[in-house]
């Protein structure tokens, strides 16, 4: 049986188009296991997770890629991350007494951040794009068009126990006969992609899906790369966060039982520290790496 947490790269050799396919099931279930999101925020998070995996799979790097939207209308925060090793995590928060309903006119001033942290080169790149009324997919298409000058089409979907995505990008022409020199190829691929339904994206085996869409385009499908939910939280990062807050705020967080409890929003794991632990944290021990959780 084909794994349902996988990323494939492919190329349409006739039209000179490269692409990627992502489907998430077990990792999606784990990402929302401890949360109780309403339908619209859940859909937005599923699409963002699939998009982060698509984008991470489209570039060669060692590190993590994140998609981050903050204070956009009813959405307080949307964050999805995928590492070069295929580890996924994400969260969504909504404003109080507001139901998130997808990017629209109320999001006109919002910006979407795409951040790449490269561990090998110790560099960090961030690109910003305005949130499009059409949603996350069209916003990311605009990002590639404006920042990378790379024509791109993206389809994202979430329903029930699965989410997924498909991306196609135009390859630069070679100047000779062959891939990238089909003048009508890009438009043809766009029309074919528009015939795909959300059910097709989420349910069909990738070979069947690509054949149905692009059987005349000479599809070359690469082996799949597994994806999985994983969280980078740790007791060291929790202690580092408390040091950043300072002793006064740390001690003020003690409850009636003399405990500070910190719960990771990504995986739901709880960390408990008592007064003795806090004294050790603030006694001058070496500072652990700061947490990467967006605040």
C-alpha atoms as a PDB file:
ATOM      1  CA  UNK A   1       0.000   0.000   0.000  1.00  0.00           C
ATOM      2  CA  UNK A   2       1.285   3.461  -0.930  1.00  0.00           C
ATOM      3  CA  UNK A   3       2.257   5.560   2.110  1.00  0.00           C
ATOM      4  CA  UNK A   4      -0.039   8.507   2.745  1.00  0.00           C
ATOM      5  CA  UNK A   5       2.642  10.763   4.207  1.00  0.00           C
ATOM      6  CA  UNK A   6       4.872  11.368   1.248  1.00  0.00           C
ATOM      7  CA  UNK A   7       6.379  13.980  -1.035  1.00  0.00           C
ATOM      8  CA  UNK A   8       7.128  13.241  -4.712  1.00  0.00           C
ATOM      9  CA  UNK A   9       8.955  15.354  -7.249  1.00  0.00           C
ATOM     10  CA  UNK A  10       8.116  14.957 -10.924  1.00  0.00           C
ATOM     11  CA  UNK A  11       8.836  16.485 -14.305  1.00  0.00           C
ATOM     12  CA  UNK A  12       6.622  16.882 -17.358  1.00  0.00           C
ATOM     13  CA  UNK A  13       9.243  16.418 -20.050  1.00  0.00           C
ATOM     14  CA  UNK A  14       7.166  17.466 -23.052  1.00  0.00           C
ATOM     15  CA  UNK A  15       6.143  20.830 -21.624  1.00  0.00           C
ATOM     16  CA  UNK A  16       9.294  21.530 -19.598  1.00  0.00           C
ATOM     17  CA  UNK A  17       7.459  21.807 -16.274  1.00  0.00           C
ATOM     18  CA  UNK A  18       8.652  20.537 -12.896  1.00  0.00           C
ATOM     19  CA  UNK A  19       6.389  19.762 -10.000  1.00  0.00           C
ATOM     20  CA  UNK A  20       5.807  18.282  -6.597  1.00  0.00           C
ATOM     21  CA  UNK A  21       3.064  16.310  -4.890  1.00  0.00           C
ATOM     22  CA  UNK A  22       2.364  16.008  -1.153  1.00  0.00           C
ATOM     23  CA  UNK A  23      -0.188  13.982   0.778  1.00  0.00           C
ATOM     24  CA  UNK A  24      -0.482  13.863   4.577  1.00  0.00           C
ATOM     25  CA  UNK A  25      -2.558  11.539   6.742  1.00  0.00           C
ATOM     26  CA  UNK A  26      -0.801  10.155   9.847  1.00  0.00           C
ATOM     27  CA  UNK A  27       1.242  13.332  10.251  1.00  0.00           C
ATOM     28  CA  UNK A  28      -1.906  15.436   9.851  1.00  0.00           C
ATOM     29  CA  UNK A  29      -3.713  13.391  12.497  1.00  0.00           C
ATOM     30  CA  UNK A  30      -0.792  13.837  14.879  1.00  0.00           C
ATOM     31  CA  UNK A  31      -0.577  17.585  14.218  1.00  0.00           C
ATOM     32  CA  UNK A  32      -4.182  18.110  15.354  1.00  0.00           C
ATOM     33  CA  UNK A  33      -4.439  15.274  17.893  1.00  0.00           C
ATOM     34  CA  UNK A  34      -4.269  17.539  20.958  1.00  0.00           C
ATOM     35  CA  UNK A  35      -6.190  20.468  19.429  1.00  0.00           C
ATOM     36  CA  UNK A  36      -9.860  21.091  18.724  1.00  0.00           C
ATOM     37  CA  UNK A  37      -9.860  23.432  15.746  1.00  0.00           C
ATOM     38  CA  UNK A  38     -13.064  24.618  14.063  1.00  0.00           C
ATOM     39  CA  UNK A  39     -13.441  23.513  10.415  1.00  0.00           C
ATOM     40  CA  UNK A  40     -12.040  26.627   8.714  1.00  0.00           C
ATOM     41  CA  UNK A  41      -8.889  26.999  10.848  1.00  0.00           C
ATOM     42  CA  UNK A  42      -8.343  23.247  10.520  1.00  0.00           C
ATOM     43  CA  UNK A  43      -8.527  23.509   6.737  1.00  0.00           C
ATOM     44  CA  UNK A  44      -6.136  26.462   6.713  1.00  0.00           C
ATOM     45  CA  UNK A  45      -3.625  24.602   8.857  1.00  0.00           C
ATOM     46  CA  UNK A  46      -3.860  21.469   6.705  1.00  0.00           C
ATOM     47  CA  UNK A  47      -3.261  23.492   3.553  1.00  0.00           C
ATOM     48  CA  UNK A  48      -0.355  25.344   5.176  1.00  0.00           C
ATOM     49  CA  UNK A  49       1.310  22.091   6.283  1.00  0.00           C
ATOM     50  CA  UNK A  50       0.988  20.651   2.788  1.00  0.00           C
ATOM     51  CA  UNK A  51       2.351  23.879   1.310  1.00  0.00           C
ATOM     52  CA  UNK A  52       5.353  23.922   3.645  1.00  0.00           C
ATOM     53  CA  UNK A  53       6.216  20.362   2.553  1.00  0.00           C
ATOM     54  CA  UNK A  54       5.812  21.277  -1.130  1.00  0.00           C
ATOM     55  CA  UNK A  55       8.105  24.289  -0.808  1.00  0.00           C
ATOM     56  CA  UNK A  56      10.700  22.468   1.301  1.00  0.00           C
ATOM     57  CA  UNK A  57      10.759  19.651  -1.238  1.00  0.00           C
ATOM     58  CA  UNK A  58      11.276  22.060  -4.136  1.00  0.00           C
ATOM     59  CA  UNK A  59      14.647  23.380  -2.928  1.00  0.00           C
ATOM     60  CA  UNK A  60      17.942  21.829  -1.857  1.00  0.00           C
ATOM     61  CA  UNK A  61      18.930  22.857   1.669  1.00  0.00           C
ATOM     62  CA  UNK A  62      19.524  21.512   5.153  1.00  0.00           C
ATOM     63  CA  UNK A  63      17.307  23.153   7.730  1.00  0.00           C
ATOM     64  CA  UNK A  64      13.686  24.226   7.988  1.00  0.00           C
ATOM     65  CA  UNK A  65      11.150  26.155   5.949  1.00  0.00           C
ATOM     66  CA  UNK A  66       8.175  27.859   7.558  1.00  0.00           C
ATOM     67  CA  UNK A  67       5.020  29.639   6.438  1.00  0.00           C
ATOM     68  CA  UNK A  68       3.839  32.258   8.902  1.00  0.00           C
ATOM     69  CA  UNK A  69       0.754  34.471   8.911  1.00  0.00           C
ATOM     70  CA  UNK A  70       0.030  36.691  11.926  1.00  0.00           C
ATOM     71  CA  UNK A  71      -2.851  38.974  12.952  1.00  0.00           C
ATOM     72  CA  UNK A  72      -4.777  38.587   9.705  1.00  0.00           C
ATOM     73  CA  UNK A  73      -8.430  39.390  10.328  1.00  0.00           C
ATOM     74  CA  UNK A  74      -9.940  36.536  12.362  1.00  0.00           C
ATOM     75  CA  UNK A  75      -6.648  34.646  12.326  1.00  0.00           C
ATOM     76  CA  UNK A  76      -4.265  35.470  15.143  1.00  0.00           C
ATOM     77  CA  UNK A  77      -1.577  33.078  13.933  1.00  0.00           C
ATOM     78  CA  UNK A  78      -1.054  30.462  11.242  1.00  0.00           C
ATOM     79  CA  UNK A  79       2.299  28.688  11.319  1.00  0.00           C
ATOM     80  CA  UNK A  80       3.482  25.595   9.441  1.00  0.00           C
ATOM     81  CA  UNK A  81       6.985  24.200   9.212  1.00  0.00           C
ATOM     82  CA  UNK A  82       8.747  21.426   7.314  1.00  0.00           C
ATOM     83  CA  UNK A  83      12.397  20.469   7.660  1.00  0.00           C
ATOM     84  CA  UNK A  84      14.665  19.184   4.902  1.00  0.00           C
ATOM     85  CA  UNK A  85      14.374  15.776   6.591  1.00  0.00           C
ATOM     86  CA  UNK A  86      10.567  15.808   6.193  1.00  0.00           C
ATOM     87  CA  UNK A  87       9.562  16.656   9.784  1.00  0.00           C
ATOM     88  CA  UNK A  88       6.314  18.635   9.999  1.00  0.00           C
ATOM     89  CA  UNK A  89       4.598  20.689  12.684  1.00  0.00           C
ATOM     90  CA  UNK A  90       2.123  23.561  12.770  1.00  0.00           C
ATOM     91  CA  UNK A  91      -0.468  25.498  14.756  1.00  0.00           C
ATOM     92  CA  UNK A  92      -3.319  27.893  14.134  1.00  0.00           C
ATOM     93  CA  UNK A  93      -4.859  30.379  16.553  1.00  0.00           C
ATOM     94  CA  UNK A  94      -7.975  32.474  16.025  1.00  0.00           C
ATOM     95  CA  UNK A  95      -8.970  35.780  17.525  1.00  0.00           C
ATOM     96  CA  UNK A  96     -11.425  35.487  20.406  1.00  0.00           C
ATOM     97  CA  UNK A  97     -15.095  35.389  19.401  1.00  0.00           C
ATOM     98  CA  UNK A  98     -14.156  35.177  15.700  1.00  0.00           C
ATOM     99  CA  UNK A  99     -14.379  32.277  13.301  1.00  0.00           C
ATOM    100  CA  UNK A 100     -11.612  32.074  10.710  1.00  0.00           C
ATOM    101  CA  UNK A 101     -13.049  31.808   7.231  1.00  0.00           C
ATOM    102  CA  UNK A 102     -10.096  31.969   4.854  1.00  0.00           C
ATOM    103  CA  UNK A 103      -8.168  34.916   3.419  1.00  0.00           C
ATOM    104  CA  UNK A 104     -10.501  37.499   1.992  1.00  0.00           C
ATOM    105  CA  UNK A 105     -11.064  41.281   1.815  1.00  0.00           C
ATOM    106  CA  UNK A 106     -10.528  41.598   5.573  1.00  0.00           C
ATOM    107  CA  UNK A 107      -6.976  40.326   5.107  1.00  0.00           C
ATOM    108  CA  UNK A 108      -6.002  43.085   2.694  1.00  0.00           C
ATOM    109  CA  UNK A 109      -3.199  44.438   4.877  1.00  0.00           C
ATOM    110  CA  UNK A 110      -1.862  41.052   6.010  1.00  0.00           C
ATOM    111  CA  UNK A 111       1.483  39.650   4.884  1.00  0.00           C
ATOM    112  CA  UNK A 112       2.586  36.069   4.566  1.00  0.00           C
ATOM    113  CA  UNK A 113       6.193  35.281   5.525  1.00  0.00           C
ATOM    114  CA  UNK A 114       8.134  32.391   3.978  1.00  0.00           C
ATOM    115  CA  UNK A 115      11.304  31.740   5.989  1.00  0.00           C
ATOM    116  CA  UNK A 116      14.179  29.406   5.155  1.00  0.00           C
ATOM    117  CA  UNK A 117      16.751  28.632   7.849  1.00  0.00           C
ATOM    118  CA  UNK A 118      19.760  26.852   6.359  1.00  0.00           C
ATOM    119  CA  UNK A 119      21.699  24.930   8.998  1.00  0.00           C
ATOM    120  CA  UNK A 120      24.657  24.200   6.722  1.00  0.00           C
ATOM    121  CA  UNK A 121      25.334  27.822   5.765  1.00  0.00           C
ATOM    122  CA  UNK A 122      23.952  29.307   9.011  1.00  0.00           C
ATOM    123  CA  UNK A 123      21.864  31.741   6.971  1.00  0.00           C
ATOM    124  CA  UNK A 124      18.256  32.845   7.240  1.00  0.00           C
ATOM    125  CA  UNK A 125      16.177  34.126   4.328  1.00  0.00           C
ATOM    126  CA  UNK A 126      12.691  35.567   4.605  1.00  0.00           C
ATOM    127  CA  UNK A 127      10.355  36.614   1.820  1.00  0.00           C
ATOM    128  CA  UNK A 128       7.098  38.520   2.306  1.00  0.00           C
ATOM    129  CA  UNK A 129       3.999  38.622   0.150  1.00  0.00           C
ATOM    130  CA  UNK A 130       0.584  40.202   0.623  1.00  0.00           C
ATOM    131  CA  UNK A 131      -2.205  37.730   1.380  1.00  0.00           C
ATOM    132  CA  UNK A 132      -4.334  37.273  -1.712  1.00  0.00           C
ATOM    133  CA  UNK A 133      -8.127  37.153  -1.507  1.00  0.00           C
ATOM    134  CA  UNK A 134      -8.000  33.781  -3.245  1.00  0.00           C
ATOM    135  CA  UNK A 135      -6.287  32.080  -0.305  1.00  0.00           C
ATOM    136  CA  UNK A 136      -2.950  30.586   0.607  1.00  0.00           C
ATOM    137  CA  UNK A 137      -2.292  28.899  -2.745  1.00  0.00           C
ATOM    138  CA  UNK A 138      -2.700  32.067  -4.812  1.00  0.00           C
ATOM    139  CA  UNK A 139      -0.661  34.034  -2.257  1.00  0.00           C
ATOM    140  CA  UNK A 140       2.216  31.589  -2.653  1.00  0.00           C
ATOM    141  CA  UNK A 141       1.882  31.733  -6.435  1.00  0.00           C
ATOM    142  CA  UNK A 142       2.246  35.509  -6.204  1.00  0.00           C
ATOM    143  CA  UNK A 143       5.327  35.076  -4.000  1.00  0.00           C
ATOM    144  CA  UNK A 144       7.080  32.957  -6.628  1.00  0.00           C
ATOM    145  CA  UNK A 145       6.033  35.321  -9.396  1.00  0.00           C
ATOM    146  CA  UNK A 146       7.207  38.470  -7.604  1.00  0.00           C
ATOM    147  CA  UNK A 147      10.241  37.259  -5.669  1.00  0.00           C
ATOM    148  CA  UNK A 148      11.565  34.467  -7.878  1.00  0.00           C
ATOM    149  CA  UNK A 149      10.144  35.445 -11.292  1.00  0.00           C
ATOM    150  CA  UNK A 150       9.086  31.821 -11.556  1.00  0.00           C
ATOM    151  CA  UNK A 151       5.630  31.060 -13.005  1.00  0.00           C
ATOM    152  CA  UNK A 152       3.952  28.750 -10.501  1.00  0.00           C
ATOM    153  CA  UNK A 153       0.603  27.049  -9.969  1.00  0.00           C
ATOM    154  CA  UNK A 154      -0.336  25.546  -6.604  1.00  0.00           C
ATOM    155  CA  UNK A 155      -3.381  23.540  -5.547  1.00  0.00           C
ATOM    156  CA  UNK A 156      -3.983  22.777  -1.856  1.00  0.00           C
ATOM    157  CA  UNK A 157      -6.702  20.813  -0.137  1.00  0.00           C
ATOM    158  CA  UNK A 158      -7.848  19.382   3.190  1.00  0.00           C
ATOM    159  CA  UNK A 159     -10.822  17.193   3.939  1.00  0.00           C
ATOM    160  CA  UNK A 160     -11.439  14.726   6.720  1.00  0.00           C
ATOM    161  CA  UNK A 161      -8.346  12.749   7.600  1.00  0.00           C
ATOM    162  CA  UNK A 162      -6.122  13.984   4.784  1.00  0.00           C
ATOM    163  CA  UNK A 163      -4.546  17.092   3.353  1.00  0.00           C
ATOM    164  CA  UNK A 164      -2.362  17.540   0.311  1.00  0.00           C
ATOM    165  CA  UNK A 165      -0.985  19.756  -2.380  1.00  0.00           C
ATOM    166  CA  UNK A 166       0.406  19.875  -5.886  1.00  0.00           C
ATOM    167  CA  UNK A 167       2.801  22.446  -7.339  1.00  0.00           C
ATOM    168  CA  UNK A 168       3.971  22.974 -10.929  1.00  0.00           C
ATOM    169  CA  UNK A 169       6.629  25.459 -12.044  1.00  0.00           C
ATOM    170  CA  UNK A 170       7.820  26.500 -15.476  1.00  0.00           C
ATOM    171  CA  UNK A 171      11.395  25.507 -16.315  1.00  0.00           C
ATOM    172  CA  UNK A 172      13.530  28.105 -18.085  1.00  0.00           C
ATOM    173  CA  UNK A 173      13.811  27.547 -21.842  1.00  0.00           C
ATOM    174  CA  UNK A 174      17.064  26.007 -23.055  1.00  0.00           C
ATOM    175  CA  UNK A 175      17.203  27.800 -26.376  1.00  0.00           C
ATOM    176  CA  UNK A 176      17.073  24.547 -28.330  1.00  0.00           C
ATOM    177  CA  UNK A 177      14.591  21.808 -28.993  1.00  0.00           C
ATOM    178  CA  UNK A 178      13.420  19.992 -25.889  1.00  0.00           C
ATOM    179  CA  UNK A 179      12.085  20.568 -22.400  1.00  0.00           C
ATOM    180  CA  UNK A 180      11.320  24.157 -21.586  1.00  0.00           C
ATOM    181  CA  UNK A 181      10.930  25.182 -25.251  1.00  0.00           C
ATOM    182  CA  UNK A 182       7.295  24.199 -25.764  1.00  0.00           C
ATOM    183  CA  UNK A 183       5.700  27.630 -26.129  1.00  0.00           C
ATOM    184  CA  UNK A 184       2.225  26.334 -25.296  1.00  0.00           C
ATOM    185  CA  UNK A 185       3.349  23.886 -22.621  1.00  0.00           C
ATOM    186  CA  UNK A 186       2.850  26.088 -19.583  1.00  0.00           C
ATOM    187  CA  UNK A 187      -0.646  27.188 -20.567  1.00  0.00           C
ATOM    188  CA  UNK A 188      -1.577  23.611 -21.449  1.00  0.00           C
ATOM    189  CA  UNK A 189      -0.432  22.315 -18.064  1.00  0.00           C
ATOM    190  CA  UNK A 190      -2.420  25.045 -16.308  1.00  0.00           C
ATOM    191  CA  UNK A 191      -5.609  24.052 -18.122  1.00  0.00           C
ATOM    192  CA  UNK A 192      -5.049  20.380 -17.288  1.00  0.00           C
ATOM    193  CA  UNK A 193      -4.390  21.154 -13.631  1.00  0.00           C
ATOM    194  CA  UNK A 194      -7.679  23.066 -13.412  1.00  0.00           C
ATOM    195  CA  UNK A 195      -9.551  19.808 -14.093  1.00  0.00           C
ATOM    196  CA  UNK A 196      -8.328  18.229 -10.829  1.00  0.00           C
ATOM    197  CA  UNK A 197     -10.805  18.008  -7.945  1.00  0.00           C
ATOM    198  CA  UNK A 198      -9.986  18.056  -4.227  1.00  0.00           C
ATOM    199  CA  UNK A 199     -11.076  14.410  -4.069  1.00  0.00           C
ATOM    200  CA  UNK A 200      -8.589  13.552  -6.831  1.00  0.00           C
ATOM    201  CA  UNK A 201      -5.787  15.342  -4.958  1.00  0.00           C
ATOM    202  CA  UNK A 202      -6.485  13.613  -1.645  1.00  0.00           C
ATOM    203  CA  UNK A 203      -7.588  10.133  -2.705  1.00  0.00           C
ATOM    204  CA  UNK A 204      -5.964   8.993  -5.945  1.00  0.00           C
ATOM    205  CA  UNK A 205      -2.569   7.239  -5.961  1.00  0.00           C
ATOM    206  CA  UNK A 206       0.020   9.719  -7.218  1.00  0.00           C
ATOM    207  CA  UNK A 207       0.775   7.654 -10.341  1.00  0.00           C
ATOM    208  CA  UNK A 208      -2.911   7.526 -11.245  1.00  0.00           C
ATOM    209  CA  UNK A 209      -3.408  11.230 -10.534  1.00  0.00           C
ATOM    210  CA  UNK A 210      -0.470  12.378 -12.661  1.00  0.00           C
ATOM    211  CA  UNK A 211      -1.402  10.025 -15.498  1.00  0.00           C
ATOM    212  CA  UNK A 212      -4.982  11.286 -15.564  1.00  0.00           C
ATOM    213  CA  UNK A 213      -3.834  14.887 -15.583  1.00  0.00           C
ATOM    214  CA  UNK A 214      -0.719  14.793 -17.731  1.00  0.00           C
ATOM    215  CA  UNK A 215      -0.580  11.497 -19.667  1.00  0.00           C
ATOM    216  CA  UNK A 216       0.472  13.298 -22.893  1.00  0.00           C
ATOM    217  CA  UNK A 217       3.210  15.315 -21.142  1.00  0.00           C
ATOM    218  CA  UNK A 218       5.644  12.385 -20.539  1.00  0.00           C
ATOM    219  CA  UNK A 219       5.605  12.312 -16.733  1.00  0.00           C
ATOM    220  CA  UNK A 220       8.865  11.360 -14.975  1.00  0.00           C
ATOM    221  CA  UNK A 221       8.039  10.634 -11.335  1.00  0.00           C
ATOM    222  CA  UNK A 222      10.798  10.459  -8.720  1.00  0.00           C
ATOM    223  CA  UNK A 223      10.652   8.102  -5.717  1.00  0.00           C
ATOM    224  CA  UNK A 224       8.678   9.400  -2.771  1.00  0.00           C
ATOM    225  CA  UNK A 225      10.234  10.910   0.328  1.00  0.00           C
ATOM    226  CA  UNK A 226       8.518  10.109   3.640  1.00  0.00           C
ATOM    227  CA  UNK A 227       7.050  12.869   5.792  1.00  0.00           C
ATOM    228  CA  UNK A 228       6.181  12.707   9.487  1.00  0.00           C
ATOM    229  CA  UNK A 229       5.039  14.892  12.348  1.00  0.00           C
ATOM    230  CA  UNK A 230       7.850  15.831  14.739  1.00  0.00           C
ATOM    231  CA  UNK A 231       8.232  18.491  17.416  1.00  0.00           C
ATOM    232  CA  UNK A 232      11.480  20.101  18.554  1.00  0.00           C
ATOM    233  CA  UNK A 233      10.275  21.071  22.025  1.00  0.00           C
ATOM    234  CA  UNK A 234      12.413  20.026  25.003  1.00  0.00           C
ATOM    235  CA  UNK A 235      12.927  20.749  28.688  1.00  0.00           C
ATOM    236  CA  UNK A 236      16.069  22.700  27.764  1.00  0.00           C
ATOM    237  CA  UNK A 237      14.067  25.030  25.528  1.00  0.00           C
ATOM    238  CA  UNK A 238      11.389  25.493  28.163  1.00  0.00           C
ATOM    239  CA  UNK A 239      14.046  26.470  30.695  1.00  0.00           C
ATOM    240  CA  UNK A 240      15.617  28.848  28.191  1.00  0.00           C
ATOM    241  CA  UNK A 241      12.223  30.501  27.672  1.00  0.00           C
ATOM    242  CA  UNK A 242      11.812  30.954  31.424  1.00  0.00           C
ATOM    243  CA  UNK A 243      15.255  32.580  31.673  1.00  0.00           C
ATOM    244  CA  UNK A 244      14.236  35.015  28.960  1.00  0.00           C
ATOM    245  CA  UNK A 245      11.080  35.892  30.893  1.00  0.00           C
ATOM    246  CA  UNK A 246      13.092  36.464  34.088  1.00  0.00           C
ATOM    247  CA  UNK A 247      12.830  35.318  37.692  1.00  0.00           C
ATOM    248  CA  UNK A 248       9.950  37.622  38.629  1.00  0.00           C
ATOM    249  CA  UNK A 249       7.633  36.393  35.868  1.00  0.00           C
ATOM    250  CA  UNK A 250       8.758  32.801  36.356  1.00  0.00           C
ATOM    251  CA  UNK A 251       7.887  32.832  40.049  1.00  0.00           C
ATOM    252  CA  UNK A 252       4.627  34.651  39.362  1.00  0.00           C
ATOM    253  CA  UNK A 253       3.617  31.706  37.130  1.00  0.00           C
ATOM    254  CA  UNK A 254       3.704  29.265  40.065  1.00  0.00           C
ATOM    255  CA  UNK A 255       0.251  27.855  40.751  1.00  0.00           C
ATOM    256  CA  UNK A 256      -1.342  26.989  44.118  1.00  0.00           C
ATOM    257  CA  UNK A 257       0.574  23.704  44.152  1.00  0.00           C
ATOM    258  CA  UNK A 258       3.903  25.448  43.644  1.00  0.00           C
ATOM    259  CA  UNK A 259       4.277  24.318  40.020  1.00  0.00           C
ATOM    260  CA  UNK A 260       4.856  26.047  36.707  1.00  0.00           C
ATOM    261  CA  UNK A 261       3.291  24.116  33.836  1.00  0.00           C
ATOM    262  CA  UNK A 262       4.244  24.849  30.231  1.00  0.00           C
ATOM    263  CA  UNK A 263       2.405  23.061  27.423  1.00  0.00           C
ATOM    264  CA  UNK A 264       3.801  22.875  23.894  1.00  0.00           C
ATOM    265  CA  UNK A 265       1.198  24.118  21.437  1.00  0.00           C
ATOM    266  CA  UNK A 266       2.588  21.949  18.636  1.00  0.00           C
ATOM    267  CA  UNK A 267       2.526  18.509  20.263  1.00  0.00           C
ATOM    268  CA  UNK A 268       0.615  19.014  23.526  1.00  0.00           C
ATOM    269  CA  UNK A 269       3.472  17.815  25.737  1.00  0.00           C
ATOM    270  CA  UNK A 270       3.491  19.346  29.217  1.00  0.00           C
ATOM    271  CA  UNK A 271       6.552  20.364  31.220  1.00  0.00           C
ATOM    272  CA  UNK A 272       6.250  20.899  35.000  1.00  0.00           C
ATOM    273  CA  UNK A 273       8.765  22.722  37.138  1.00  0.00           C
ATOM    274  CA  UNK A 274       8.606  23.266  40.918  1.00  0.00           C
ATOM    275  CA  UNK A 275      10.309  25.911  43.071  1.00  0.00           C
ATOM    276  CA  UNK A 276      13.518  23.869  43.242  1.00  0.00           C
ATOM    277  CA  UNK A 277      13.589  23.596  39.444  1.00  0.00           C
ATOM    278  CA  UNK A 278      13.020  27.341  39.079  1.00  0.00           C
ATOM    279  CA  UNK A 279      15.857  28.101  41.483  1.00  0.00           C
ATOM    280  CA  UNK A 280      18.145  25.940  39.395  1.00  0.00           C
ATOM    281  CA  UNK A 281      16.955  27.634  36.168  1.00  0.00           C
ATOM    282  CA  UNK A 282      17.726  31.102  37.533  1.00  0.00           C
ATOM    283  CA  UNK A 283      20.892  30.153  39.403  1.00  0.00           C
ATOM    284  CA  UNK A 284      23.173  31.034  36.515  1.00  0.00           C
ATOM    285  CA  UNK A 285      23.219  27.764  34.587  1.00  0.00           C
ATOM    286  CA  UNK A 286      24.238  27.962  30.963  1.00  0.00           C
ATOM    287  CA  UNK A 287      21.483  29.226  28.696  1.00  0.00           C
ATOM    288  CA  UNK A 288      20.041  26.585  26.383  1.00  0.00           C
ATOM    289  CA  UNK A 289      19.089  27.449  22.783  1.00  0.00           C
ATOM    290  CA  UNK A 290      16.027  29.684  22.643  1.00  0.00           C
ATOM    291  CA  UNK A 291      12.769  27.971  21.582  1.00  0.00           C
ATOM    292  CA  UNK A 292      11.778  28.296  17.937  1.00  0.00           C
ATOM    293  CA  UNK A 293       8.053  28.392  18.715  1.00  0.00           C
ATOM    294  CA  UNK A 294       6.542  31.618  17.331  1.00  0.00           C
ATOM    295  CA  UNK A 295       5.277  33.852  20.093  1.00  0.00           C
END
